[in-house]
Amino acid sequence: MSQNLVALAARILLALMFILGGVSKFAGLAGTAGYIASKGLPLPMVLAVLTAALELGAGVALVIGWRVRVAALALALFTLLASLIFHAYWAAPAEQQMVQQLLFMKNLAVAGGLLLLVGFGAGGASLDARRPAAA
């Protein structure tokens, strides 16, 4: 029982960053698209919408425990890619390197937590635990 509650708490804590980020991106799509464009990425508005949808949708999936392994893998890969693009501290101006390195390392830790969910699953307090096992 305690492992299931810990897994639920871990899923909620990991998901919170993505749910709030997705809502914030949807609320400020133009700003999000502008930030994406500032990094030279193509189709910034499309990427902004897709990013917001991924963060919100996969974040909610983590909380309710639905398809957790898939949602966590998608968020882990997204987080690693976003870290390389948006928190490249090694290429940042000297006055920004410390903060960018902190954000980069935080994202690595978040990706690590997500990969634990990929490996071990959602736990018993989840919709995944209620699904019949695949044959």
C-alpha atoms as a PDB file:
ATOM      1  CA  MET A   1       0.000   0.000   0.000  1.00  0.00           C
ATOM      2  CA  SER A   2       2.695   2.517   0.896  1.00  0.00           C
ATOM      3  CA  GLN A   3       4.549   1.860  -2.378  1.00  0.00           C
ATOM      4  CA  ASN A   4       1.372   2.651  -4.296  1.00  0.00           C
ATOM      5  CA  LEU A   5       0.887   5.926  -2.420  1.00  0.00           C
ATOM      6  CA  VAL A   6       4.533   6.883  -2.971  1.00  0.00           C
ATOM      7  CA  ALA A   7       4.203   6.091  -6.697  1.00  0.00           C
ATOM      8  CA  LEU A   8       1.043   8.216  -6.848  1.00  0.00           C
ATOM      9  CA  ALA A   9       2.776  11.099  -5.072  1.00  0.00           C
ATOM     10  CA  ALA A  10       5.767  10.805  -7.422  1.00  0.00           C
ATOM     11  CA  ARG A  11       3.503  10.844 -10.480  1.00  0.00           C
ATOM     12  CA  ILE A  12       1.646  13.918  -9.217  1.00  0.00           C
ATOM     13  CA  LEU A  13       4.844  15.802  -8.370  1.00  0.00           C
ATOM     14  CA  LEU A  14       6.422  15.015 -11.737  1.00  0.00           C
ATOM     15  CA  ALA A  15       3.213  15.853 -13.594  1.00  0.00           C
ATOM     16  CA  LEU A  16       2.665  19.184 -11.859  1.00  0.00           C
ATOM     17  CA  MET A  17       5.504  20.878 -13.748  1.00  0.00           C
ATOM     18  CA  PHE A  18       4.122  19.708 -17.091  1.00  0.00           C
ATOM     19  CA  ILE A  19       0.453  20.443 -16.382  1.00  0.00           C
ATOM     20  CA  LEU A  20       1.206  23.979 -15.219  1.00  0.00           C
ATOM     21  CA  GLY A  21       3.610  24.440 -18.138  1.00  0.00           C
ATOM     22  CA  GLY A  22       1.030  23.234 -20.664  1.00  0.00           C
ATOM     23  CA  VAL A  23      -1.693  25.502 -19.278  1.00  0.00           C
ATOM     24  CA  SER A  24       0.712  28.434 -19.254  1.00  0.00           C
ATOM     25  CA  LYS A  25       1.774  27.771 -22.845  1.00  0.00           C
ATOM     26  CA  PHE A  26      -1.848  27.574 -24.026  1.00  0.00           C
ATOM     27  CA  ALA A  27      -2.581  30.832 -22.202  1.00  0.00           C
ATOM     28  CA  GLY A  28       0.357  32.558 -23.884  1.00  0.00           C
ATOM     29  CA  LEU A  29       0.763  30.804 -27.224  1.00  0.00           C
ATOM     30  CA  ALA A  30       2.160  33.877 -28.957  1.00  0.00           C
ATOM     31  CA  GLY A  31       4.889  34.285 -26.347  1.00  0.00           C
ATOM     32  CA  THR A  32       5.688  30.576 -26.419  1.00  0.00           C
ATOM     33  CA  ALA A  33       5.883  30.637 -30.213  1.00  0.00           C
ATOM     34  CA  GLY A  34       8.127  33.691 -30.040  1.00  0.00           C
ATOM     35  CA  TYR A  35      10.500  31.935 -27.654  1.00  0.00           C
ATOM     36  CA  ILE A  36      10.570  28.872 -29.915  1.00  0.00           C
ATOM     37  CA  ALA A  37      11.238  31.097 -32.934  1.00  0.00           C
ATOM     38  CA  SER A  38      14.095  32.797 -31.071  1.00  0.00           C
ATOM     39  CA  LYS A  39      15.915  29.465 -31.081  1.00  0.00           C
ATOM     40  CA  GLY A  40      15.531  29.180 -34.864  1.00  0.00           C
ATOM     41  CA  LEU A  41      13.068  26.294 -34.823  1.00  0.00           C
ATOM     42  CA  PRO A  42      10.614  25.978 -37.720  1.00  0.00           C
ATOM     43  CA  LEU A  43       6.826  26.386 -37.422  1.00  0.00           C
ATOM     44  CA  PRO A  44       6.946  27.990 -33.980  1.00  0.00           C
ATOM     45  CA  MET A  45       3.172  28.282 -33.517  1.00  0.00           C
ATOM     46  CA  VAL A  46       2.642  24.631 -34.449  1.00  0.00           C
ATOM     47  CA  LEU A  47       5.430  23.604 -32.068  1.00  0.00           C
ATOM     48  CA  ALA A  48       3.937  25.788 -29.328  1.00  0.00           C
ATOM     49  CA  VAL A  49       0.527  24.116 -29.650  1.00  0.00           C
ATOM     50  CA  LEU A  50       2.047  20.614 -29.834  1.00  0.00           C
ATOM     51  CA  THR A  51       4.280  21.311 -26.839  1.00  0.00           C
ATOM     52  CA  ALA A  52       1.397  22.643 -24.752  1.00  0.00           C
ATOM     53  CA  ALA A  53      -0.780  19.667 -25.720  1.00  0.00           C
ATOM     54  CA  LEU A  54       1.968  17.162 -24.891  1.00  0.00           C
ATOM     55  CA  GLU A  55       2.732  18.743 -21.531  1.00  0.00           C
ATOM     56  CA  LEU A  56      -0.907  19.030 -20.504  1.00  0.00           C
ATOM     57  CA  GLY A  57      -2.110  15.709 -21.908  1.00  0.00           C
ATOM     58  CA  ALA A  58       0.798  13.556 -20.767  1.00  0.00           C
ATOM     59  CA  GLY A  59       0.866  15.375 -17.425  1.00  0.00           C
ATOM     60  CA  VAL A  60      -2.791  14.528 -16.777  1.00  0.00           C
ATOM     61  CA  ALA A  61      -2.114  10.937 -17.895  1.00  0.00           C
ATOM     62  CA  LEU A  62       0.597  10.686 -15.227  1.00  0.00           C
ATOM     63  CA  VAL A  63      -1.719  11.973 -12.508  1.00  0.00           C
ATOM     64  CA  ILE A  64      -4.558   9.578 -13.295  1.00  0.00           C
ATOM     65  CA  GLY A  65      -2.168   6.738 -14.062  1.00  0.00           C
ATOM     66  CA  TRP A  66      -3.281   6.098 -17.622  1.00  0.00           C
ATOM     67  CA  ARG A  67      -0.707   4.784 -20.114  1.00  0.00           C
ATOM     68  CA  VAL A  68       1.958   6.013 -17.717  1.00  0.00           C
ATOM     69  CA  ARG A  69       4.893   4.290 -19.389  1.00  0.00           C
ATOM     70  CA  VAL A  70       4.084   5.902 -22.753  1.00  0.00           C
ATOM     71  CA  ALA A  71       3.334   9.329 -21.248  1.00  0.00           C
ATOM     72  CA  ALA A  72       6.491   9.248 -19.119  1.00  0.00           C
ATOM     73  CA  LEU A  73       8.665   8.200 -22.062  1.00  0.00           C
ATOM     74  CA  ALA A  74       7.239  10.976 -24.242  1.00  0.00           C
ATOM     75  CA  LEU A  75       7.820  13.551 -21.495  1.00  0.00           C
ATOM     76  CA  ALA A  76      11.334  12.252 -20.754  1.00  0.00           C
ATOM     77  CA  LEU A  77      12.370  12.486 -24.418  1.00  0.00           C
ATOM     78  CA  PHE A  78      10.725  15.904 -24.737  1.00  0.00           C
ATOM     79  CA  THR A  79      12.464  17.141 -21.575  1.00  0.00           C
ATOM     80  CA  LEU A  80      15.881  15.964 -22.748  1.00  0.00           C
ATOM     81  CA  LEU A  81      15.414  17.539 -26.177  1.00  0.00           C
ATOM     82  CA  ALA A  82      14.103  20.798 -24.708  1.00  0.00           C
ATOM     83  CA  SER A  83      17.077  20.894 -22.334  1.00  0.00           C
ATOM     84  CA  LEU A  84      19.549  20.621 -25.196  1.00  0.00           C
ATOM     85  CA  ILE A  85      17.797  23.349 -27.192  1.00  0.00           C
ATOM     86  CA  PHE A  86      16.630  25.808 -24.539  1.00  0.00           C
ATOM     87  CA  HIS A  87      19.108  25.311 -21.670  1.00  0.00           C
ATOM     88  CA  ALA A  88      22.424  24.855 -23.516  1.00  0.00           C
ATOM     89  CA  TYR A  89      24.429  26.431 -20.718  1.00  0.00           C
ATOM     90  CA  TRP A  90      27.727  25.670 -22.469  1.00  0.00           C
ATOM     91  CA  ALA A  91      26.737  28.096 -25.241  1.00  0.00           C
ATOM     92  CA  ALA A  92      25.065  30.715 -23.031  1.00  0.00           C
ATOM     93  CA  PRO A  93      26.615  34.082 -22.191  1.00  0.00           C
ATOM     94  CA  ALA A  94      28.727  33.936 -19.026  1.00  0.00           C
ATOM     95  CA  GLU A  95      26.133  35.817 -16.944  1.00  0.00           C
ATOM     96  CA  GLN A  96      23.457  33.223 -17.868  1.00  0.00           C
ATOM     97  CA  GLN A  97      25.495  30.021 -17.600  1.00  0.00           C
ATOM     98  CA  MET A  98      24.837  29.272 -13.933  1.00  0.00           C
ATOM     99  CA  VAL A  99      21.051  29.573 -14.217  1.00  0.00           C
ATOM    100  CA  GLN A 100      20.958  27.670 -17.508  1.00  0.00           C
ATOM    101  CA  GLN A 101      23.113  24.895 -16.054  1.00  0.00           C
ATOM    102  CA  LEU A 102      20.796  24.665 -13.047  1.00  0.00           C
ATOM    103  CA  LEU A 103      17.749  24.391 -15.336  1.00  0.00           C
ATOM    104  CA  PHE A 104      19.538  21.830 -17.507  1.00  0.00           C
ATOM    105  CA  MET A 105      20.460  19.668 -14.496  1.00  0.00           C
ATOM    106  CA  LYS A 106      16.958  19.985 -13.027  1.00  0.00           C
ATOM    107  CA  ASN A 107      15.567  18.726 -16.326  1.00  0.00           C
ATOM    108  CA  LEU A 108      17.986  15.783 -16.302  1.00  0.00           C
ATOM    109  CA  ALA A 109      16.697  14.856 -12.848  1.00  0.00           C
ATOM    110  CA  VAL A 110      13.072  15.160 -13.992  1.00  0.00           C
ATOM    111  CA  ALA A 111      13.846  12.958 -17.020  1.00  0.00           C
ATOM    112  CA  GLY A 112      15.408  10.444 -14.654  1.00  0.00           C
ATOM    113  CA  GLY A 113      12.249  10.342 -12.549  1.00  0.00           C
ATOM    114  CA  LEU A 114      10.156   9.912 -15.668  1.00  0.00           C
ATOM    115  CA  LEU A 115      12.369   7.059 -16.833  1.00  0.00           C
ATOM    116  CA  LEU A 116      11.794   5.342 -13.483  1.00  0.00           C
ATOM    117  CA  LEU A 117       8.074   5.433 -14.301  1.00  0.00           C
ATOM    118  CA  VAL A 118       8.842   3.941 -17.714  1.00  0.00           C
ATOM    119  CA  GLY A 119      10.771   1.114 -16.064  1.00  0.00           C
ATOM    120  CA  PHE A 120       8.565   0.401 -13.067  1.00  0.00           C
ATOM    121  CA  GLY A 121       5.135   1.580 -14.187  1.00  0.00           C
ATOM    122  CA  ALA A 122       2.438   3.595 -12.483  1.00  0.00           C
ATOM    123  CA  GLY A 123       1.922   1.555  -9.330  1.00  0.00           C
ATOM    124  CA  GLY A 124      -1.313   0.208  -7.934  1.00  0.00           C
ATOM    125  CA  ALA A 125      -3.098   3.547  -7.472  1.00  0.00           C
ATOM    126  CA  SER A 126      -3.599   4.050 -11.207  1.00  0.00           C
ATOM    127  CA  LEU A 127      -5.869   3.341 -14.106  1.00  0.00           C
ATOM    128  CA  ASP A 128      -3.088   1.221 -15.598  1.00  0.00           C
ATOM    129  CA  ALA A 129      -3.348  -1.164 -12.609  1.00  0.00           C
ATOM    130  CA  ARG A 130      -7.058  -1.646 -13.342  1.00  0.00           C
ATOM    131  CA  ARG A 131      -6.516  -2.677 -16.964  1.00  0.00           C
ATOM    132  CA  PRO A 132      -6.360  -6.384 -17.717  1.00  0.00           C
ATOM    133  CA  ALA A 133      -2.836  -7.605 -18.453  1.00  0.00           C
ATOM    134  CA  ALA A 134      -1.951  -7.855 -22.142  1.00  0.00           C
ATOM    135  CA  ALA A 135      -1.942 -11.374 -23.474  1.00  0.00           C
END
